[in-house]
Amino acid sequence: MKYVFYFILILAIASIVFNATKLDINNLLQGESQIGAISIVAALCVAILMSIMLVSYKIKDKYEKN
């Protein structure tokens, strides 16, 4: 299950990089740039959630060994 979280985390980072290429700094919330900005925020949320899940699995493994 841990590897699934790593895979999703990598996909989220790839999505951030891809959508960063669509951003137009002068018109950040218009047209295709708006979709890119919203997608970056969503991918950041996914990356944070997957990081929390990975940390929770490490804590779980640590307490199961004792």
PDB file of N, CA and C in Angstrom:
ATOM      1  N   MET A   1       0.822  -1.192   0.000  1.00  0.00           N
ATOM      2  CA  MET A   1       0.000   0.000   0.000  1.00  0.00           C
ATOM      3  C   MET A   1       0.867   1.257   0.000  1.00  0.00           C
ATOM      4  N   LYS A   2       2.026   1.131   0.632  1.00  0.00           N
ATOM      5  CA  LYS A   2       2.930   2.266   0.715  1.00  0.00           C
ATOM      6  C   LYS A   2       3.398   2.701  -0.671  1.00  0.00           C
ATOM      7  N   TYR A   3       3.595   1.743  -1.552  1.00  0.00           N
ATOM      8  CA  TYR A   3       4.066   2.068  -2.895  1.00  0.00           C
ATOM      9  C   TYR A   3       3.004   2.793  -3.715  1.00  0.00           C
ATOM     10  N   VAL A   4       1.747   2.524  -3.428  1.00  0.00           N
ATOM     11  CA  VAL A   4       0.658   3.233  -4.099  1.00  0.00           C
ATOM     12  C   VAL A   4       0.698   4.711  -3.725  1.00  0.00           C
ATOM     13  N   PHE A   5       0.971   4.985  -2.447  1.00  0.00           N
ATOM     14  CA  PHE A   5       1.061   6.377  -2.001  1.00  0.00           C
ATOM     15  C   PHE A   5       2.236   7.093  -2.661  1.00  0.00           C
ATOM     16  N   TYR A   6       3.360   6.406  -2.807  1.00  0.00           N
ATOM     17  CA  TYR A   6       4.503   7.001  -3.508  1.00  0.00           C
ATOM     18  C   TYR A   6       4.160   7.287  -4.970  1.00  0.00           C
ATOM     19  N   PHE A   7       3.463   6.356  -5.609  1.00  0.00           N
ATOM     20  CA  PHE A   7       3.080   6.538  -7.008  1.00  0.00           C
ATOM     21  C   PHE A   7       2.139   7.728  -7.168  1.00  0.00           C
ATOM     22  N   ILE A   8       1.155   7.848  -6.288  1.00  0.00           N
ATOM     23  CA  ILE A   8       0.224   8.981  -6.341  1.00  0.00           C
ATOM     24  C   ILE A   8       0.954  10.286  -6.075  1.00  0.00           C
ATOM     25  N   LEU A   9       1.920  10.268  -5.147  1.00  0.00           N
ATOM     26  CA  LEU A   9       2.715  11.460  -4.856  1.00  0.00           C
ATOM     27  C   LEU A   9       3.524  11.892  -6.072  1.00  0.00           C
ATOM     28  N   ILE A  10       4.104  10.940  -6.780  1.00  0.00           N
ATOM     29  CA  ILE A  10       4.872  11.254  -7.985  1.00  0.00           C
ATOM     30  C   ILE A  10       3.959  11.818  -9.072  1.00  0.00           C
ATOM     31  N   LEU A  11       2.760  11.241  -9.213  1.00  0.00           N
ATOM     32  CA  LEU A  11       1.800  11.767 -10.188  1.00  0.00           C
ATOM     33  C   LEU A  11       1.376  13.193  -9.842  1.00  0.00           C
ATOM     34  N   ALA A  12       1.203  13.482  -8.563  1.00  0.00           N
ATOM     35  CA  ALA A  12       0.815  14.826  -8.146  1.00  0.00           C
ATOM     36  C   ALA A  12       1.922  15.831  -8.468  1.00  0.00           C
ATOM     37  N   ILE A  13       3.154  15.447  -8.226  1.00  0.00           N
ATOM     38  CA  ILE A  13       4.282  16.343  -8.528  1.00  0.00           C
ATOM     39  C   ILE A  13       4.398  16.551 -10.038  1.00  0.00           C
ATOM     40  N   ALA A  14       4.185  15.496 -10.810  1.00  0.00           N
ATOM     41  CA  ALA A  14       4.219  15.629 -12.272  1.00  0.00           C
ATOM     42  C   ALA A  14       3.096  16.537 -12.760  1.00  0.00           C
ATOM     43  N   SER A  15       1.943  16.451 -12.114  1.00  0.00           N
ATOM     44  CA  SER A  15       0.817  17.311 -12.476  1.00  0.00           C
ATOM     45  C   SER A  15       1.123  18.771 -12.167  1.00  0.00           C
ATOM     46  N   ILE A  16       1.796  19.020 -11.059  1.00  0.00           N
ATOM     47  CA  ILE A  16       2.188  20.391 -10.711  1.00  0.00           C
ATOM     48  C   ILE A  16       3.128  20.957 -11.761  1.00  0.00           C
ATOM     49  N   VAL A  17       4.112  20.166 -12.156  1.00  0.00           N
ATOM     50  CA  VAL A  17       5.077  20.625 -13.153  1.00  0.00           C
ATOM     51  C   VAL A  17       4.395  20.873 -14.494  1.00  0.00           C
ATOM     52  N   PHE A  18       3.517  19.962 -14.904  1.00  0.00           N
ATOM     53  CA  PHE A  18       2.818  20.114 -16.178  1.00  0.00           C
ATOM     54  C   PHE A  18       1.944  21.358 -16.181  1.00  0.00           C
ATOM     55  N   ASN A  19       1.184  21.564 -15.113  1.00  0.00           N
ATOM     56  CA  ASN A  19       0.282  22.708 -15.063  1.00  0.00           C
ATOM     57  C   ASN A  19       1.013  24.029 -14.854  1.00  0.00           C
ATOM     58  N   ALA A  20       2.220  23.975 -14.327  1.00  0.00           N
ATOM     59  CA  ALA A  20       3.005  25.202 -14.191  1.00  0.00           C
ATOM     60  C   ALA A  20       3.405  25.747 -15.555  1.00  0.00           C
ATOM     61  N   THR A  21       3.486  24.885 -16.549  1.00  0.00           N
ATOM     62  CA  THR A  21       3.824  25.356 -17.893  1.00  0.00           C
ATOM     63  C   THR A  21       2.654  26.088 -18.546  1.00  0.00           C
ATOM     64  N   LYS A  22       1.451  25.886 -18.040  1.00  0.00           N
ATOM     65  CA  LYS A  22       0.271  26.532 -18.606  1.00  0.00           C
ATOM     66  C   LYS A  22      -0.027  27.892 -17.990  1.00  0.00           C
ATOM     67  N   LEU A  23       0.713  28.254 -16.954  1.00  0.00           N
ATOM     68  CA  LEU A  23       0.438  29.507 -16.261  1.00  0.00           C
ATOM     69  C   LEU A  23       0.930  30.713 -17.054  1.00  0.00           C
ATOM     70  N   ASP A  24       0.110  31.744 -17.072  1.00  0.00           N
ATOM     71  CA  ASP A  24       0.485  33.041 -17.615  1.00  0.00           C
ATOM     72  C   ASP A  24       0.468  34.010 -16.439  1.00  0.00           C
ATOM     73  N   ILE A  25       1.634  34.482 -16.041  1.00  0.00           N
ATOM     74  CA  ILE A  25       1.754  35.286 -14.831  1.00  0.00           C
ATOM     75  C   ILE A  25       0.955  36.583 -14.932  1.00  0.00           C
ATOM     76  N   ASN A  26       0.847  37.151 -16.107  1.00  0.00           N
ATOM     77  CA  ASN A  26       0.122  38.414 -16.259  1.00  0.00           C
ATOM     78  C   ASN A  26      -1.393  38.230 -16.122  1.00  0.00           C
ATOM     79  N   ASN A  27      -1.921  37.104 -16.574  1.00  0.00           N
ATOM     80  CA  ASN A  27      -3.352  36.813 -16.491  1.00  0.00           C
ATOM     81  C   ASN A  27      -3.544  35.484 -15.771  1.00  0.00           C
ATOM     82  N   LEU A  28      -3.285  35.491 -14.480  1.00  0.00           N
ATOM     83  CA  LEU A  28      -3.245  34.245 -13.725  1.00  0.00           C
ATOM     84  C   LEU A  28      -4.616  33.586 -13.592  1.00  0.00           C
ATOM     85  N   LEU A  29      -5.671  34.363 -13.509  1.00  0.00           N
ATOM     86  CA  LEU A  29      -6.994  33.789 -13.295  1.00  0.00           C
ATOM     87  C   LEU A  29      -7.912  33.966 -14.494  1.00  0.00           C
ATOM     88  N   GLN A  30      -7.349  33.834 -15.676  1.00  0.00           N
ATOM     89  CA  GLN A  30      -8.150  33.942 -16.895  1.00  0.00           C
ATOM     90  C   GLN A  30      -7.774  32.823 -17.852  1.00  0.00           C
ATOM     91  N   GLY A  31      -8.797  32.212 -18.423  1.00  0.00           N
ATOM     92  CA  GLY A  31      -8.590  31.216 -19.470  1.00  0.00           C
ATOM     93  C   GLY A  31      -7.908  29.957 -18.996  1.00  0.00           C
ATOM     94  N   GLU A  32      -6.972  29.485 -19.811  1.00  0.00           N
ATOM     95  CA  GLU A  32      -6.272  28.235 -19.528  1.00  0.00           C
ATOM     96  C   GLU A  32      -5.359  28.355 -18.314  1.00  0.00           C
ATOM     97  N   SER A  33      -4.912  29.564 -18.016  1.00  0.00           N
ATOM     98  CA  SER A  33      -4.080  29.784 -16.854  1.00  0.00           C
ATOM     99  C   SER A  33      -4.850  29.545 -15.560  1.00  0.00           C
ATOM    100  N   GLN A  34      -6.145  29.847 -15.572  1.00  0.00           N
ATOM    101  CA  GLN A  34      -6.980  29.607 -14.393  1.00  0.00           C
ATOM    102  C   GLN A  34      -7.094  28.106 -14.113  1.00  0.00           C
ATOM    103  N   ILE A  35      -7.276  27.321 -15.157  1.00  0.00           N
ATOM    104  CA  ILE A  35      -7.356  25.869 -14.998  1.00  0.00           C
ATOM    105  C   ILE A  35      -6.037  25.335 -14.449  1.00  0.00           C
ATOM    106  N   GLY A  36      -4.933  25.852 -14.940  1.00  0.00           N
ATOM    107  CA  GLY A  36      -3.625  25.437 -14.446  1.00  0.00           C
ATOM    108  C   GLY A  36      -3.424  25.783 -12.983  1.00  0.00           C
ATOM    109  N   ALA A  37      -3.847  26.973 -12.575  1.00  0.00           N
ATOM    110  CA  ALA A  37      -3.683  27.398 -11.187  1.00  0.00           C
ATOM    111  C   ALA A  37      -4.523  26.539 -10.244  1.00  0.00           C
ATOM    112  N   ILE A  38      -5.763  26.265 -10.642  1.00  0.00           N
ATOM    113  CA  ILE A  38      -6.634  25.430  -9.816  1.00  0.00           C
ATOM    114  C   ILE A  38      -6.082  24.009  -9.736  1.00  0.00           C
ATOM    115  N   SER A  39      -5.563  23.504 -10.830  1.00  0.00           N
ATOM    116  CA  SER A  39      -4.996  22.158 -10.849  1.00  0.00           C
ATOM    117  C   SER A  39      -3.741  22.064  -9.987  1.00  0.00           C
ATOM    118  N   ILE A  40      -2.957  23.112  -9.954  1.00  0.00           N
ATOM    119  CA  ILE A  40      -1.761  23.123  -9.106  1.00  0.00           C
ATOM    120  C   ILE A  40      -2.162  23.075  -7.642  1.00  0.00           C
ATOM    121  N   VAL A  41      -3.162  23.850  -7.269  1.00  0.00           N
ATOM    122  CA  VAL A  41      -3.628  23.838  -5.875  1.00  0.00           C
ATOM    123  C   VAL A  41      -4.169  22.456  -5.504  1.00  0.00           C
ATOM    124  N   ALA A  42      -4.937  21.843  -6.395  1.00  0.00           N
ATOM    125  CA  ALA A  42      -5.475  20.508  -6.131  1.00  0.00           C
ATOM    126  C   ALA A  42      -4.354  19.471  -6.008  1.00  0.00           C
ATOM    127  N   ALA A  43      -3.353  19.559  -6.868  1.00  0.00           N
ATOM    128  CA  ALA A  43      -2.239  18.613  -6.807  1.00  0.00           C
ATOM    129  C   ALA A  43      -1.405  18.824  -5.547  1.00  0.00           C
ATOM    130  N   LEU A  44      -1.283  20.064  -5.094  1.00  0.00           N
ATOM    131  CA  LEU A  44      -0.584  20.323  -3.831  1.00  0.00           C
ATOM    132  C   LEU A  44      -1.329  19.688  -2.666  1.00  0.00           C
ATOM    133  N   CYS A  45      -2.650  19.755  -2.686  1.00  0.00           N
ATOM    134  CA  CYS A  45      -3.451  19.109  -1.635  1.00  0.00           C
ATOM    135  C   CYS A  45      -3.222  17.599  -1.641  1.00  0.00           C
ATOM    136  N   VAL A  46      -3.203  17.008  -2.813  1.00  0.00           N
ATOM    137  CA  VAL A  46      -2.969  15.565  -2.920  1.00  0.00           C
ATOM    138  C   VAL A  46      -1.572  15.220  -2.408  1.00  0.00           C
ATOM    139  N   ALA A  47      -0.582  16.020  -2.764  1.00  0.00           N
ATOM    140  CA  ALA A  47       0.788  15.752  -2.321  1.00  0.00           C
ATOM    141  C   ALA A  47       0.894  15.845  -0.798  1.00  0.00           C
ATOM    142  N   ILE A  48       0.235  16.813  -0.204  1.00  0.00           N
ATOM    143  CA  ILE A  48       0.262  16.948   1.252  1.00  0.00           C
ATOM    144  C   ILE A  48      -0.434  15.764   1.913  1.00  0.00           C
ATOM    145  N   LEU A  49      -1.583  15.367   1.386  1.00  0.00           N
ATOM    146  CA  LEU A  49      -2.298  14.220   1.955  1.00  0.00           C
ATOM    147  C   LEU A  49      -1.492  12.928   1.847  1.00  0.00           C
ATOM    148  N   MET A  50      -0.842  12.707   0.729  1.00  0.00           N
ATOM    149  CA  MET A  50      -0.035  11.498   0.574  1.00  0.00           C
ATOM    150  C   MET A  50       1.183  11.528   1.501  1.00  0.00           C
ATOM    151  N   SER A  51       1.752  12.697   1.713  1.00  0.00           N
ATOM    152  CA  SER A  51       2.869  12.815   2.649  1.00  0.00           C
ATOM    153  C   SER A  51       2.418  12.496   4.068  1.00  0.00           C
ATOM    154  N   ILE A  52       1.237  12.968   4.441  1.00  0.00           N
ATOM    155  CA  ILE A  52       0.698  12.657   5.766  1.00  0.00           C
ATOM    156  C   ILE A  52       0.459  11.153   5.904  1.00  0.00           C
ATOM    157  N   MET A  53      -0.063  10.539   4.863  1.00  0.00           N
ATOM    158  CA  MET A  53      -0.303   9.090   4.923  1.00  0.00           C
ATOM    159  C   MET A  53       1.006   8.310   5.055  1.00  0.00           C
ATOM    160  N   LEU A  54       2.052   8.738   4.350  1.00  0.00           N
ATOM    161  CA  LEU A  54       3.339   8.055   4.454  1.00  0.00           C
ATOM    162  C   LEU A  54       3.926   8.195   5.853  1.00  0.00           C
ATOM    163  N   VAL A  55       3.796   9.365   6.445  1.00  0.00           N
ATOM    164  CA  VAL A  55       4.292   9.571   7.807  1.00  0.00           C
ATOM    165  C   VAL A  55       3.488   8.716   8.783  1.00  0.00           C
ATOM    166  N   SER A  56       2.189   8.627   8.580  1.00  0.00           N
ATOM    167  CA  SER A  56       1.374   7.816   9.491  1.00  0.00           C
ATOM    168  C   SER A  56       1.735   6.336   9.391  1.00  0.00           C
ATOM    169  N   TYR A  57       2.061   5.859   8.193  1.00  0.00           N
ATOM    170  CA  TYR A  57       2.490   4.468   8.064  1.00  0.00           C
ATOM    171  C   TYR A  57       3.839   4.239   8.744  1.00  0.00           C
ATOM    172  N   LYS A  58       4.735   5.209   8.676  1.00  0.00           N
ATOM    173  CA  LYS A  58       6.019   5.064   9.371  1.00  0.00           C
ATOM    174  C   LYS A  58       5.819   5.022  10.876  1.00  0.00           C
ATOM    175  N   ILE A  59       4.920   5.839  11.393  1.00  0.00           N
ATOM    176  CA  ILE A  59       4.627   5.826  12.829  1.00  0.00           C
ATOM    177  C   ILE A  59       3.986   4.504  13.220  1.00  0.00           C
ATOM    178  N   LYS A  60       3.074   4.020  12.402  1.00  0.00           N
ATOM    179  CA  LYS A  60       2.413   2.729  12.661  1.00  0.00           C
ATOM    180  C   LYS A  60       3.424   1.593  12.697  1.00  0.00           C
ATOM    181  N   ASP A  61       4.352   1.583  11.738  1.00  0.00           N
ATOM    182  CA  ASP A  61       5.382   0.538  11.722  1.00  0.00           C
ATOM    183  C   ASP A  61       6.290   0.616  12.943  1.00  0.00           C
ATOM    184  N   LYS A  62       6.577   1.815  13.383  1.00  0.00           N
ATOM    185  CA  LYS A  62       7.453   2.000  14.534  1.00  0.00           C
ATOM    186  C   LYS A  62       6.804   1.445  15.793  1.00  0.00           C
ATOM    187  N   TYR A  63       5.512   1.672  15.987  1.00  0.00           N
ATOM    188  CA  TYR A  63       4.835   1.217  17.192  1.00  0.00           C
ATOM    189  C   TYR A  63       4.472  -0.260  17.127  1.00  0.00           C
ATOM    190  N   GLU A  64       4.362  -0.834  15.956  1.00  0.00           N
ATOM    191  CA  GLU A  64       4.084  -2.259  15.843  1.00  0.00           C
ATOM    192  C   GLU A  64       5.318  -3.096  16.164  1.00  0.00           C
ATOM    193  N   LYS A  65       6.498  -2.542  15.974  1.00  0.00           N
ATOM    194  CA  LYS A  65       7.729  -3.281  16.255  1.00  0.00           C
ATOM    195  C   LYS A  65       7.964  -3.410  17.757  1.00  0.00           C
ATOM    196  N   ASN A  66       7.425  -2.491  18.533  1.00  0.00           N
ATOM    197  CA  ASN A  66       7.638  -2.529  19.989  1.00  0.00           C
ATOM    198  C   ASN A  66       6.678  -3.421  20.683  1.00  0.00           C
TER     199      ASN A  66
END
